[in-house]
């Protein structure tokens, strides 16, 4: 085995090279009132209690890597003896049935799928000090109604809240500089009505809000210059969308099926609009295209039977309207 302190190979306890003995040095665990029967393994320890937690220990920290089925409330201890619990590992609490899970302030990262399919989880407060939330960390937490994101967050992975159908509001702090990488971050969050995005965002990522059918309006930071494919597709409650002036690109199917959207103004900087971008926006009556060079791909306004385009004469949008038999007025 490898000594957790000096890193040298040893076959004895304590380590022949430095004298470190993981097993002797561990004291009773702080489990906030839970029983703490402990068994030891090489490189990790198991809390054989209710609920069961498995830790992977290094020389100066510990990570939760697995959990048993808990009662309604689960407290993750901040320390395993002298070792601070600094991370929650990949899938550590996947499919756990607890309704509340309390994360200690020592934790700095929440791993991929760490709380995936926690179907009973209703409330979760992420403590200040957590910097990283990795991919699909809270996917399909079907009962989750509230989650707080601290200002210490710098990274939120793709699909982090995918399928959290009961979350109603969300604030992503300005410190989360990588929001633009968060594909499918809120996909199928059907109850989401309000969301606050980081002011530094320069892109709304692919399928970020796909299927958020309760989303009525959203304020997009002025720094945004691109709206990726499917970003707001099937947001059937979306009634208004104000494009930032810097937007240059709108991806394919970006607003497809937004059946409550009635009027939009496309800024003059928009150069590209992908196929089916507004297809199925059945209540869309007016689209103003302020750019002369805006390139429009096929079926952009498919099934928008109430639509009239407002365009500049001899612009690309003007040509598109004539070629596709879409009613238009010259502005």
C-alpha atoms as a PDB file:
ATOM      1  CA  UNK A   1       0.000   0.000   0.000  1.00  0.00           C
ATOM      2  CA  UNK A   2       0.983   3.677  -0.276  1.00  0.00           C
ATOM      3  CA  UNK A   3       1.479   5.657   2.910  1.00  0.00           C
ATOM      4  CA  UNK A   4      -1.069   8.493   3.033  1.00  0.00           C
ATOM      5  CA  UNK A   5       1.471  10.829   4.647  1.00  0.00           C
ATOM      6  CA  UNK A   6       4.830  10.324   2.942  1.00  0.00           C
ATOM      7  CA  UNK A   7       3.663   8.594  -0.256  1.00  0.00           C
ATOM      8  CA  UNK A   8       6.147   5.709   0.010  1.00  0.00           C
ATOM      9  CA  UNK A   9       5.234   2.049  -0.438  1.00  0.00           C
ATOM     10  CA  UNK A  10       4.838   0.091   2.794  1.00  0.00           C
ATOM     11  CA  UNK A  11       3.381  -3.216   3.900  1.00  0.00           C
ATOM     12  CA  UNK A  12       3.200  -2.423   7.599  1.00  0.00           C
ATOM     13  CA  UNK A  13       1.239  -0.254  10.033  1.00  0.00           C
ATOM     14  CA  UNK A  14       2.694   2.147  10.951  1.00  0.00           C
ATOM     15  CA  UNK A  15       4.637   3.115   7.838  1.00  0.00           C
ATOM     16  CA  UNK A  16       8.249   1.941   8.122  1.00  0.00           C
ATOM     17  CA  UNK A  17       9.496   5.117   6.428  1.00  0.00           C
ATOM     18  CA  UNK A  18       7.782   7.808   8.525  1.00  0.00           C
ATOM     19  CA  UNK A  19       5.904   6.038  11.309  1.00  0.00           C
ATOM     20  CA  UNK A  20       2.455   7.289  10.254  1.00  0.00           C
ATOM     21  CA  UNK A  21      -0.427   4.985  11.239  1.00  0.00           C
ATOM     22  CA  UNK A  22      -3.846   5.972   9.901  1.00  0.00           C
ATOM     23  CA  UNK A  23      -5.670   3.378  11.977  1.00  0.00           C
ATOM     24  CA  UNK A  24      -4.149   4.295  15.344  1.00  0.00           C
ATOM     25  CA  UNK A  25      -4.454   8.053  14.798  1.00  0.00           C
ATOM     26  CA  UNK A  26      -8.192   8.094  14.137  1.00  0.00           C
ATOM     27  CA  UNK A  27     -10.391   9.117  17.063  1.00  0.00           C
ATOM     28  CA  UNK A  28     -14.221   8.916  17.450  1.00  0.00           C
ATOM     29  CA  UNK A  29     -16.049  10.710  14.638  1.00  0.00           C
ATOM     30  CA  UNK A  30     -18.168  13.822  14.932  1.00  0.00           C
ATOM     31  CA  UNK A  31     -21.508  12.656  13.460  1.00  0.00           C
ATOM     32  CA  UNK A  32     -23.803  15.180  15.177  1.00  0.00           C
ATOM     33  CA  UNK A  33     -25.605  12.694  17.398  1.00  0.00           C
ATOM     34  CA  UNK A  34     -25.545   9.691  15.087  1.00  0.00           C
ATOM     35  CA  UNK A  35     -23.997   6.454  16.295  1.00  0.00           C
ATOM     36  CA  UNK A  36     -20.425   6.134  15.082  1.00  0.00           C
ATOM     37  CA  UNK A  37     -19.439   2.481  14.886  1.00  0.00           C
ATOM     38  CA  UNK A  38     -16.363   2.603  12.699  1.00  0.00           C
ATOM     39  CA  UNK A  39     -14.528   0.029  10.647  1.00  0.00           C
ATOM     40  CA  UNK A  40     -11.306   0.839   8.854  1.00  0.00           C
ATOM     41  CA  UNK A  41     -10.045   0.062   5.394  1.00  0.00           C
ATOM     42  CA  UNK A  42      -6.808   0.838   3.643  1.00  0.00           C
ATOM     43  CA  UNK A  43      -7.097   4.420   2.396  1.00  0.00           C
ATOM     44  CA  UNK A  44     -10.695   4.891   3.491  1.00  0.00           C
ATOM     45  CA  UNK A  45     -13.029   4.388   6.418  1.00  0.00           C
ATOM     46  CA  UNK A  46     -16.655   3.416   6.722  1.00  0.00           C
ATOM     47  CA  UNK A  47     -19.134   4.870   9.199  1.00  0.00           C
ATOM     48  CA  UNK A  48     -21.221   1.800   9.933  1.00  0.00           C
ATOM     49  CA  UNK A  49     -24.122   3.766  11.320  1.00  0.00           C
ATOM     50  CA  UNK A  50     -27.509   5.023  10.207  1.00  0.00           C
ATOM     51  CA  UNK A  51     -27.047   6.604   7.724  1.00  0.00           C
ATOM     52  CA  UNK A  52     -23.879   5.011   6.413  1.00  0.00           C
ATOM     53  CA  UNK A  53     -21.190   7.227   4.951  1.00  0.00           C
ATOM     54  CA  UNK A  54     -18.010   6.113   3.228  1.00  0.00           C
ATOM     55  CA  UNK A  55     -14.995   8.409   3.133  1.00  0.00           C
ATOM     56  CA  UNK A  56     -11.812   8.410   1.101  1.00  0.00           C
ATOM     57  CA  UNK A  57      -9.062   9.940   3.181  1.00  0.00           C
ATOM     58  CA  UNK A  58      -5.853  11.604   2.149  1.00  0.00           C
ATOM     59  CA  UNK A  59      -3.169  13.010   4.399  1.00  0.00           C
ATOM     60  CA  UNK A  60      -4.984  16.272   5.137  1.00  0.00           C
ATOM     61  CA  UNK A  61      -8.608  15.925   3.978  1.00  0.00           C
ATOM     62  CA  UNK A  62     -11.502  13.548   3.417  1.00  0.00           C
ATOM     63  CA  UNK A  63     -14.153  13.126   0.725  1.00  0.00           C
ATOM     64  CA  UNK A  64     -17.571  11.549   1.046  1.00  0.00           C
ATOM     65  CA  UNK A  65     -17.704   8.889  -1.657  1.00  0.00           C
ATOM     66  CA  UNK A  66     -20.820   6.880  -0.787  1.00  0.00           C
ATOM     67  CA  UNK A  67     -23.857   6.888   1.458  1.00  0.00           C
ATOM     68  CA  UNK A  68     -26.476   4.451   2.635  1.00  0.00           C
ATOM     69  CA  UNK A  69     -30.177   5.177   2.807  1.00  0.00           C
ATOM     70  CA  UNK A  70     -30.778   7.921   5.360  1.00  0.00           C
ATOM     71  CA  UNK A  71     -33.699   9.040   7.443  1.00  0.00           C
ATOM     72  CA  UNK A  72     -35.467  12.301   6.625  1.00  0.00           C
ATOM     73  CA  UNK A  73     -32.555  14.528   7.693  1.00  0.00           C
ATOM     74  CA  UNK A  74     -28.888  13.832   7.063  1.00  0.00           C
ATOM     75  CA  UNK A  75     -25.980  15.809   8.535  1.00  0.00           C
ATOM     76  CA  UNK A  76     -22.628  15.393   6.826  1.00  0.00           C
ATOM     77  CA  UNK A  77     -19.933  15.878   9.490  1.00  0.00           C
ATOM     78  CA  UNK A  78     -17.389  18.606   8.880  1.00  0.00           C
ATOM     79  CA  UNK A  79     -14.522  16.480  10.134  1.00  0.00           C
ATOM     80  CA  UNK A  80     -13.511  12.868  10.290  1.00  0.00           C
ATOM     81  CA  UNK A  81     -11.324  13.099  13.372  1.00  0.00           C
ATOM     82  CA  UNK A  82      -8.554  15.551  12.371  1.00  0.00           C
ATOM     83  CA  UNK A  83      -9.442  15.439   8.659  1.00  0.00           C
ATOM     84  CA  UNK A  84     -11.705  18.135   7.197  1.00  0.00           C
ATOM     85  CA  UNK A  85     -14.390  16.883   4.815  1.00  0.00           C
ATOM     86  CA  UNK A  86     -13.651  19.050   1.768  1.00  0.00           C
ATOM     87  CA  UNK A  87     -15.485  17.341  -1.080  1.00  0.00           C
ATOM     88  CA  UNK A  88     -18.502  15.256  -1.959  1.00  0.00           C
ATOM     89  CA  UNK A  89     -17.500  12.658  -4.492  1.00  0.00           C
ATOM     90  CA  UNK A  90     -19.114  11.530  -7.736  1.00  0.00           C
ATOM     91  CA  UNK A  91     -22.497   9.914  -7.069  1.00  0.00           C
ATOM     92  CA  UNK A  92     -21.959   9.949  -3.299  1.00  0.00           C
ATOM     93  CA  UNK A  93     -25.631  10.560  -2.460  1.00  0.00           C
ATOM     94  CA  UNK A  94     -27.228   9.367  -5.697  1.00  0.00           C
ATOM     95  CA  UNK A  95     -30.715   7.932  -5.115  1.00  0.00           C
ATOM     96  CA  UNK A  96     -30.637   8.826  -1.414  1.00  0.00           C
ATOM     97  CA  UNK A  97     -34.135   9.289   0.039  1.00  0.00           C
ATOM     98  CA  UNK A  98     -33.363  12.024   2.606  1.00  0.00           C
ATOM     99  CA  UNK A  99     -35.566  15.146   2.508  1.00  0.00           C
ATOM    100  CA  UNK A 100     -32.850  17.411   3.939  1.00  0.00           C
ATOM    101  CA  UNK A 101     -29.093  17.099   3.588  1.00  0.00           C
ATOM    102  CA  UNK A 102     -26.869  19.494   5.518  1.00  0.00           C
ATOM    103  CA  UNK A 103     -23.495  20.161   3.907  1.00  0.00           C
ATOM    104  CA  UNK A 104     -20.701  21.392   6.222  1.00  0.00           C
ATOM    105  CA  UNK A 105     -18.863  24.652   5.608  1.00  0.00           C
ATOM    106  CA  UNK A 106     -15.624  22.735   5.100  1.00  0.00           C
ATOM    107  CA  UNK A 107     -16.775  21.451   1.694  1.00  0.00           C
ATOM    108  CA  UNK A 108     -15.334  23.214  -1.371  1.00  0.00           C
ATOM    109  CA  UNK A 109     -16.531  20.956  -4.212  1.00  0.00           C
ATOM    110  CA  UNK A 110     -19.644  18.969  -5.061  1.00  0.00           C
ATOM    111  CA  UNK A 111     -18.881  16.176  -7.496  1.00  0.00           C
ATOM    112  CA  UNK A 112     -20.510  14.934 -10.681  1.00  0.00           C
ATOM    113  CA  UNK A 113     -23.963  13.403 -10.064  1.00  0.00           C
ATOM    114  CA  UNK A 114     -23.304  13.601  -6.324  1.00  0.00           C
ATOM    115  CA  UNK A 115     -27.003  14.179  -5.502  1.00  0.00           C
ATOM    116  CA  UNK A 116     -28.484  12.684  -8.666  1.00  0.00           C
ATOM    117  CA  UNK A 117     -32.050  11.336  -8.350  1.00  0.00           C
ATOM    118  CA  UNK A 118     -32.456  12.317  -4.688  1.00  0.00           C
ATOM    119  CA  UNK A 119     -36.203  12.157  -5.190  1.00  0.00           C
ATOM    120  CA  UNK A 120     -37.147  13.165  -1.631  1.00  0.00           C
ATOM    121  CA  UNK A 121     -34.785  16.116  -1.260  1.00  0.00           C
ATOM    122  CA  UNK A 122     -36.808  19.333  -0.845  1.00  0.00           C
ATOM    123  CA  UNK A 123     -34.428  21.975   0.513  1.00  0.00           C
ATOM    124  CA  UNK A 124     -30.681  22.317   0.102  1.00  0.00           C
ATOM    125  CA  UNK A 125     -28.441  25.135   1.257  1.00  0.00           C
ATOM    126  CA  UNK A 126     -24.985  25.098  -0.273  1.00  0.00           C
ATOM    127  CA  UNK A 127     -22.620  26.728   2.241  1.00  0.00           C
ATOM    128  CA  UNK A 128     -20.342  29.630   1.469  1.00  0.00           C
ATOM    129  CA  UNK A 129     -16.954  28.210   0.621  1.00  0.00           C
ATOM    130  CA  UNK A 130     -18.133  25.786  -2.044  1.00  0.00           C
ATOM    131  CA  UNK A 131     -16.352  26.739  -5.283  1.00  0.00           C
ATOM    132  CA  UNK A 132     -17.273  23.953  -7.684  1.00  0.00           C
ATOM    133  CA  UNK A 133     -20.518  22.229  -8.619  1.00  0.00           C
ATOM    134  CA  UNK A 134     -19.775  19.608 -11.241  1.00  0.00           C
ATOM    135  CA  UNK A 135     -21.841  18.118 -14.092  1.00  0.00           C
ATOM    136  CA  UNK A 136     -25.354  16.864 -13.295  1.00  0.00           C
ATOM    137  CA  UNK A 137     -24.733  17.293  -9.558  1.00  0.00           C
ATOM    138  CA  UNK A 138     -28.448  17.696  -8.732  1.00  0.00           C
ATOM    139  CA  UNK A 139     -30.095  16.173 -11.811  1.00  0.00           C
ATOM    140  CA  UNK A 140     -33.607  14.774 -11.369  1.00  0.00           C
ATOM    141  CA  UNK A 141     -34.053  15.903  -7.776  1.00  0.00           C
ATOM    142  CA  UNK A 142     -37.765  15.804  -8.513  1.00  0.00           C
ATOM    143  CA  UNK A 143     -38.940  17.232  -5.144  1.00  0.00           C
ATOM    144  CA  UNK A 144     -36.295  19.946  -4.770  1.00  0.00           C
ATOM    145  CA  UNK A 145     -38.090  23.270  -4.275  1.00  0.00           C
ATOM    146  CA  UNK A 146     -35.299  25.504  -3.016  1.00  0.00           C
ATOM    147  CA  UNK A 147     -31.541  25.607  -3.384  1.00  0.00           C
ATOM    148  CA  UNK A 148     -29.224  28.466  -2.461  1.00  0.00           C
ATOM    149  CA  UNK A 149     -26.050  29.109  -4.439  1.00  0.00           C
ATOM    150  CA  UNK A 150     -23.342  31.057  -2.524  1.00  0.00           C
ATOM    151  CA  UNK A 151     -21.205  33.862  -3.912  1.00  0.00           C
ATOM    152  CA  UNK A 152     -18.137  31.638  -3.503  1.00  0.00           C
ATOM    153  CA  UNK A 153     -19.158  29.550  -6.554  1.00  0.00           C
ATOM    154  CA  UNK A 154     -16.835  29.892  -9.550  1.00  0.00           C
ATOM    155  CA  UNK A 155     -17.905  26.857 -11.599  1.00  0.00           C
ATOM    156  CA  UNK A 156     -21.268  25.212 -12.306  1.00  0.00           C
ATOM    157  CA  UNK A 157     -21.166  22.212 -14.613  1.00  0.00           C
ATOM    158  CA  UNK A 158     -23.528  21.272 -17.414  1.00  0.00           C
ATOM    159  CA  UNK A 159     -26.888  19.810 -16.461  1.00  0.00           C
ATOM    160  CA  UNK A 160     -26.354  20.721 -12.813  1.00  0.00           C
ATOM    161  CA  UNK A 161     -30.107  21.154 -12.196  1.00  0.00           C
ATOM    162  CA  UNK A 162     -31.448  19.103 -15.106  1.00  0.00           C
ATOM    163  CA  UNK A 163     -34.974  17.851 -14.424  1.00  0.00           C
ATOM    164  CA  UNK A 164     -35.445  19.585 -11.042  1.00  0.00           C
ATOM    165  CA  UNK A 165     -39.136  19.986 -11.783  1.00  0.00           C
ATOM    166  CA  UNK A 166     -40.204  21.835  -8.614  1.00  0.00           C
ATOM    167  CA  UNK A 167     -37.536  24.566  -8.358  1.00  0.00           C
ATOM    168  CA  UNK A 168     -39.316  27.916  -8.766  1.00  0.00           C
ATOM    169  CA  UNK A 169     -36.486  30.428  -8.631  1.00  0.00           C
ATOM    170  CA  UNK A 170     -32.739  30.438  -9.011  1.00  0.00           C
ATOM    171  CA  UNK A 171     -29.960  32.958  -8.556  1.00  0.00           C
ATOM    172  CA  UNK A 172     -26.627  32.250 -10.221  1.00  0.00           C
ATOM    173  CA  UNK A 173     -24.061  34.594  -8.616  1.00  0.00           C
ATOM    174  CA  UNK A 174     -21.769  36.803 -10.651  1.00  0.00           C
ATOM    175  CA  UNK A 175     -18.808  34.756  -9.454  1.00  0.00           C
ATOM    176  CA  UNK A 176     -19.926  31.812 -11.621  1.00  0.00           C
ATOM    177  CA  UNK A 177     -17.858  32.952 -14.571  1.00  0.00           C
ATOM    178  CA  UNK A 178     -18.342  29.740 -16.568  1.00  0.00           C
ATOM    179  CA  UNK A 179     -22.152  29.879 -16.781  1.00  0.00           C
ATOM    180  CA  UNK A 180     -21.830  29.993 -20.580  1.00  0.00           C
ATOM    181  CA  UNK A 181     -20.515  26.399 -20.511  1.00  0.00           C
ATOM    182  CA  UNK A 182     -23.565  25.074 -18.683  1.00  0.00           C
ATOM    183  CA  UNK A 183     -25.409  23.136 -21.371  1.00  0.00           C
ATOM    184  CA  UNK A 184     -28.852  21.822 -20.335  1.00  0.00           C
ATOM    185  CA  UNK A 185     -28.309  23.457 -16.926  1.00  0.00           C
ATOM    186  CA  UNK A 186     -32.027  23.987 -16.223  1.00  0.00           C
ATOM    187  CA  UNK A 187     -33.565  21.728 -18.865  1.00  0.00           C
ATOM    188  CA  UNK A 188     -37.058  20.543 -17.886  1.00  0.00           C
ATOM    189  CA  UNK A 189     -37.193  22.644 -14.716  1.00  0.00           C
ATOM    190  CA  UNK A 190     -40.922  22.938 -15.311  1.00  0.00           C
ATOM    191  CA  UNK A 191     -41.749  25.139 -12.303  1.00  0.00           C
ATOM    192  CA  UNK A 192     -38.950  27.677 -12.777  1.00  0.00           C
ATOM    193  CA  UNK A 193     -40.487  31.164 -13.007  1.00  0.00           C
ATOM    194  CA  UNK A 194     -37.595  33.507 -12.216  1.00  0.00           C
ATOM    195  CA  UNK A 195     -33.857  33.246 -12.664  1.00  0.00           C
ATOM    196  CA  UNK A 196     -30.990  35.687 -12.180  1.00  0.00           C
ATOM    197  CA  UNK A 197     -27.942  35.217 -14.396  1.00  0.00           C
ATOM    198  CA  UNK A 198     -24.328  36.369 -13.888  1.00  0.00           C
ATOM    199  CA  UNK A 199     -23.676  39.847 -15.240  1.00  0.00           C
ATOM    200  CA  UNK A 200     -20.500  38.639 -16.927  1.00  0.00           C
ATOM    201  CA  UNK A 201     -22.269  36.001 -19.059  1.00  0.00           C
ATOM    202  CA  UNK A 202     -21.513  36.268 -22.758  1.00  0.00           C
ATOM    203  CA  UNK A 203     -23.545  33.310 -23.949  1.00  0.00           C
ATOM    204  CA  UNK A 204     -26.764  31.492 -23.069  1.00  0.00           C
ATOM    205  CA  UNK A 205     -25.676  27.867 -23.472  1.00  0.00           C
ATOM    206  CA  UNK A 206     -27.291  25.114 -25.515  1.00  0.00           C
ATOM    207  CA  UNK A 207     -30.659  23.902 -24.173  1.00  0.00           C
ATOM    208  CA  UNK A 208     -30.009  25.802 -20.932  1.00  0.00           C
ATOM    209  CA  UNK A 209     -33.717  26.493 -20.323  1.00  0.00           C
ATOM    210  CA  UNK A 210     -35.273  23.916 -22.635  1.00  0.00           C
ATOM    211  CA  UNK A 211     -38.729  22.929 -21.411  1.00  0.00           C
ATOM    212  CA  UNK A 212     -38.957  25.534 -18.631  1.00  0.00           C
ATOM    213  CA  UNK A 213     -42.641  25.959 -19.385  1.00  0.00           C
ATOM    214  CA  UNK A 214     -43.413  28.217 -16.373  1.00  0.00           C
ATOM    215  CA  UNK A 215     -40.743  30.791 -17.260  1.00  0.00           C
ATOM    216  CA  UNK A 216     -42.679  33.978 -18.143  1.00  0.00           C
ATOM    217  CA  UNK A 217     -39.826  36.451 -18.513  1.00  0.00           C
ATOM    218  CA  UNK A 218     -36.088  36.593 -18.002  1.00  0.00           C
ATOM    219  CA  UNK A 219     -33.575  39.429 -17.865  1.00  0.00           C
ATOM    220  CA  UNK A 220     -30.570  38.725 -20.037  1.00  0.00           C
ATOM    221  CA  UNK A 221     -27.300  40.497 -19.105  1.00  0.00           C
ATOM    222  CA  UNK A 222     -26.161  43.112 -21.609  1.00  0.00           C
ATOM    223  CA  UNK A 223     -22.861  41.263 -21.931  1.00  0.00           C
ATOM    224  CA  UNK A 224     -24.516  38.351 -23.775  1.00  0.00           C
ATOM    225  CA  UNK A 225     -23.624  38.147 -27.469  1.00  0.00           C
ATOM    226  CA  UNK A 226     -24.836  34.644 -28.364  1.00  0.00           C
ATOM    227  CA  UNK A 227     -27.916  32.546 -27.673  1.00  0.00           C
ATOM    228  CA  UNK A 228     -27.132  28.931 -28.426  1.00  0.00           C
ATOM    229  CA  UNK A 229     -29.258  26.206 -30.004  1.00  0.00           C
ATOM    230  CA  UNK A 230     -32.394  25.252 -28.081  1.00  0.00           C
ATOM    231  CA  UNK A 231     -31.617  27.692 -25.261  1.00  0.00           C
ATOM    232  CA  UNK A 232     -35.278  28.609 -24.627  1.00  0.00           C
ATOM    233  CA  UNK A 233     -37.014  25.989 -26.734  1.00  0.00           C
ATOM    234  CA  UNK A 234     -40.414  24.842 -25.427  1.00  0.00           C
ATOM    235  CA  UNK A 235     -40.625  27.655 -22.864  1.00  0.00           C
ATOM    236  CA  UNK A 236     -44.359  27.775 -23.475  1.00  0.00           C
ATOM    237  CA  UNK A 237     -45.032  30.463 -20.856  1.00  0.00           C
ATOM    238  CA  UNK A 238     -42.413  32.914 -22.128  1.00  0.00           C
ATOM    239  CA  UNK A 239     -44.285  36.098 -23.091  1.00  0.00           C
ATOM    240  CA  UNK A 240     -41.471  38.575 -23.499  1.00  0.00           C
ATOM    241  CA  UNK A 241     -37.826  38.435 -24.415  1.00  0.00           C
ATOM    242  CA  UNK A 242     -35.596  41.486 -24.774  1.00  0.00           C
ATOM    243  CA  UNK A 243     -32.429  40.800 -26.739  1.00  0.00           C
ATOM    244  CA  UNK A 244     -29.267  42.544 -25.557  1.00  0.00           C
ATOM    245  CA  UNK A 245     -27.803  44.897 -28.151  1.00  0.00           C
ATOM    246  CA  UNK A 246     -24.587  42.866 -28.385  1.00  0.00           C
ATOM    247  CA  UNK A 247     -26.265  39.677 -29.596  1.00  0.00           C
ATOM    248  CA  UNK A 248     -24.832  38.570 -32.935  1.00  0.00           C
ATOM    249  CA  UNK A 249     -26.004  34.953 -33.145  1.00  0.00           C
ATOM    250  CA  UNK A 250     -29.205  33.052 -32.351  1.00  0.00           C
ATOM    251  CA  UNK A 251     -28.883  29.280 -32.636  1.00  0.00           C
ATOM    252  CA  UNK A 252     -31.133  26.703 -34.241  1.00  0.00           C
ATOM    253  CA  UNK A 253     -34.445  26.129 -32.450  1.00  0.00           C
ATOM    254  CA  UNK A 254     -33.416  28.660 -29.794  1.00  0.00           C
ATOM    255  CA  UNK A 255     -37.043  29.716 -29.194  1.00  0.00           C
ATOM    256  CA  UNK A 256     -38.885  26.874 -30.894  1.00  0.00           C
ATOM    257  CA  UNK A 257     -42.313  26.217 -29.429  1.00  0.00           C
ATOM    258  CA  UNK A 258     -42.453  29.403 -27.316  1.00  0.00           C
ATOM    259  CA  UNK A 259     -46.179  29.586 -27.937  1.00  0.00           C
ATOM    260  CA  UNK A 260     -46.850  32.615 -25.673  1.00  0.00           C
ATOM    261  CA  UNK A 261     -44.260  34.902 -27.269  1.00  0.00           C
ATOM    262  CA  UNK A 262     -46.002  37.748 -29.140  1.00  0.00           C
ATOM    263  CA  UNK A 263     -43.460  40.396 -30.182  1.00  0.00           C
ATOM    264  CA  UNK A 264     -39.689  40.558 -30.500  1.00  0.00           C
ATOM    265  CA  UNK A 265     -37.097  43.044 -31.736  1.00  0.00           C
ATOM    266  CA  UNK A 266     -33.890  41.631 -33.212  1.00  0.00           C
ATOM    267  CA  UNK A 267     -30.977  44.069 -32.690  1.00  0.00           C
ATOM    268  CA  UNK A 268     -28.972  45.346 -35.629  1.00  0.00           C
ATOM    269  CA  UNK A 269     -25.879  43.404 -34.573  1.00  0.00           C
ATOM    270  CA  UNK A 270     -27.571  40.051 -35.177  1.00  0.00           C
ATOM    271  CA  UNK A 271     -25.797  38.443 -38.125  1.00  0.00           C
ATOM    272  CA  UNK A 272     -27.024  34.870 -37.952  1.00  0.00           C
ATOM    273  CA  UNK A 273     -30.294  33.182 -36.993  1.00  0.00           C
ATOM    274  CA  UNK A 274     -30.350  29.377 -37.134  1.00  0.00           C
ATOM    275  CA  UNK A 275     -32.917  27.021 -38.632  1.00  0.00           C
ATOM    276  CA  UNK A 276     -36.263  26.718 -36.813  1.00  0.00           C
ATOM    277  CA  UNK A 277     -35.176  29.424 -34.343  1.00  0.00           C
ATOM    278  CA  UNK A 278     -38.774  30.596 -33.799  1.00  0.00           C
ATOM    279  CA  UNK A 279     -40.671  27.664 -35.273  1.00  0.00           C
ATOM    280  CA  UNK A 280     -43.957  26.982 -33.534  1.00  0.00           C
ATOM    281  CA  UNK A 281     -44.237  30.408 -31.862  1.00  0.00           C
ATOM    282  CA  UNK A 282     -47.910  30.365 -32.720  1.00  0.00           C
ATOM    283  CA  UNK A 283     -48.832  33.710 -31.063  1.00  0.00           C
ATOM    284  CA  UNK A 284     -45.953  35.657 -32.573  1.00  0.00           C
ATOM    285  CA  UNK A 285     -47.488  38.618 -34.402  1.00  0.00           C
ATOM    286  CA  UNK A 286     -44.581  41.013 -34.909  1.00  0.00           C
ATOM    287  CA  UNK A 287     -40.846  40.595 -35.446  1.00  0.00           C
ATOM    288  CA  UNK A 288     -38.737  43.684 -36.094  1.00  0.00           C
ATOM    289  CA  UNK A 289     -35.400  43.000 -37.778  1.00  0.00           C
ATOM    290  CA  UNK A 290     -33.086  46.002 -37.299  1.00  0.00           C
ATOM    291  CA  UNK A 291     -30.100  44.570 -39.150  1.00  0.00           C
ATOM    292  CA  UNK A 292     -29.611  44.834 -42.904  1.00  0.00           C
ATOM    293  CA  UNK A 293     -27.203  41.890 -42.953  1.00  0.00           C
ATOM    294  CA  UNK A 294     -29.090  39.477 -40.704  1.00  0.00           C
ATOM    295  CA  UNK A 295     -28.840  36.010 -42.255  1.00  0.00           C
ATOM    296  CA  UNK A 296     -31.959  33.904 -41.741  1.00  0.00           C
ATOM    297  CA  UNK A 297     -31.862  30.115 -42.160  1.00  0.00           C
ATOM    298  CA  UNK A 298     -34.712  27.900 -43.352  1.00  0.00           C
ATOM    299  CA  UNK A 299     -37.985  27.531 -41.497  1.00  0.00           C
ATOM    300  CA  UNK A 300     -36.996  30.169 -38.980  1.00  0.00           C
ATOM    301  CA  UNK A 301     -40.641  31.209 -38.575  1.00  0.00           C
ATOM    302  CA  UNK A 302     -42.331  27.918 -39.426  1.00  0.00           C
ATOM    303  CA  UNK A 303     -45.903  27.607 -38.112  1.00  0.00           C
ATOM    304  CA  UNK A 304     -45.940  31.302 -37.103  1.00  0.00           C
ATOM    305  CA  UNK A 305     -49.189  31.941 -38.950  1.00  0.00           C
ATOM    306  CA  UNK A 306     -50.009  35.300 -37.320  1.00  0.00           C
ATOM    307  CA  UNK A 307     -46.623  36.851 -38.064  1.00  0.00           C
ATOM    308  CA  UNK A 308     -45.797  40.112 -39.814  1.00  0.00           C
ATOM    309  CA  UNK A 309     -42.138  41.014 -40.293  1.00  0.00           C
ATOM    310  CA  UNK A 310     -40.940  44.590 -39.919  1.00  0.00           C
ATOM    311  CA  UNK A 311     -37.823  44.990 -42.078  1.00  0.00           C
ATOM    312  CA  UNK A 312     -35.634  47.479 -43.886  1.00  0.00           C
ATOM    313  CA  UNK A 313     -36.046  47.702 -47.626  1.00  0.00           C
ATOM    314  CA  UNK A 314     -33.552  45.584 -49.583  1.00  0.00           C
ATOM    315  CA  UNK A 315     -32.258  43.954 -46.417  1.00  0.00           C
ATOM    316  CA  UNK A 316     -31.666  40.209 -46.206  1.00  0.00           C
ATOM    317  CA  UNK A 317     -34.745  39.911 -43.994  1.00  0.00           C
ATOM    318  CA  UNK A 318     -36.770  41.730 -46.663  1.00  0.00           C
ATOM    319  CA  UNK A 319     -35.602  39.215 -49.265  1.00  0.00           C
ATOM    320  CA  UNK A 320     -36.384  36.327 -46.928  1.00  0.00           C
ATOM    321  CA  UNK A 321     -39.929  37.555 -46.330  1.00  0.00           C
ATOM    322  CA  UNK A 322     -40.632  37.894 -50.041  1.00  0.00           C
ATOM    323  CA  UNK A 323     -39.115  34.525 -50.901  1.00  0.00           C
ATOM    324  CA  UNK A 324     -41.114  32.701 -48.226  1.00  0.00           C
ATOM    325  CA  UNK A 325     -44.450  34.515 -48.576  1.00  0.00           C
ATOM    326  CA  UNK A 326     -44.324  36.052 -45.091  1.00  0.00           C
ATOM    327  CA  UNK A 327     -46.311  39.301 -44.639  1.00  0.00           C
ATOM    328  CA  UNK A 328     -44.021  42.272 -44.044  1.00  0.00           C
ATOM    329  CA  UNK A 329     -43.928  46.030 -43.667  1.00  0.00           C
ATOM    330  CA  UNK A 330     -41.015  48.322 -44.532  1.00  0.00           C
ATOM    331  CA  UNK A 331     -39.627  50.385 -41.646  1.00  0.00           C
END
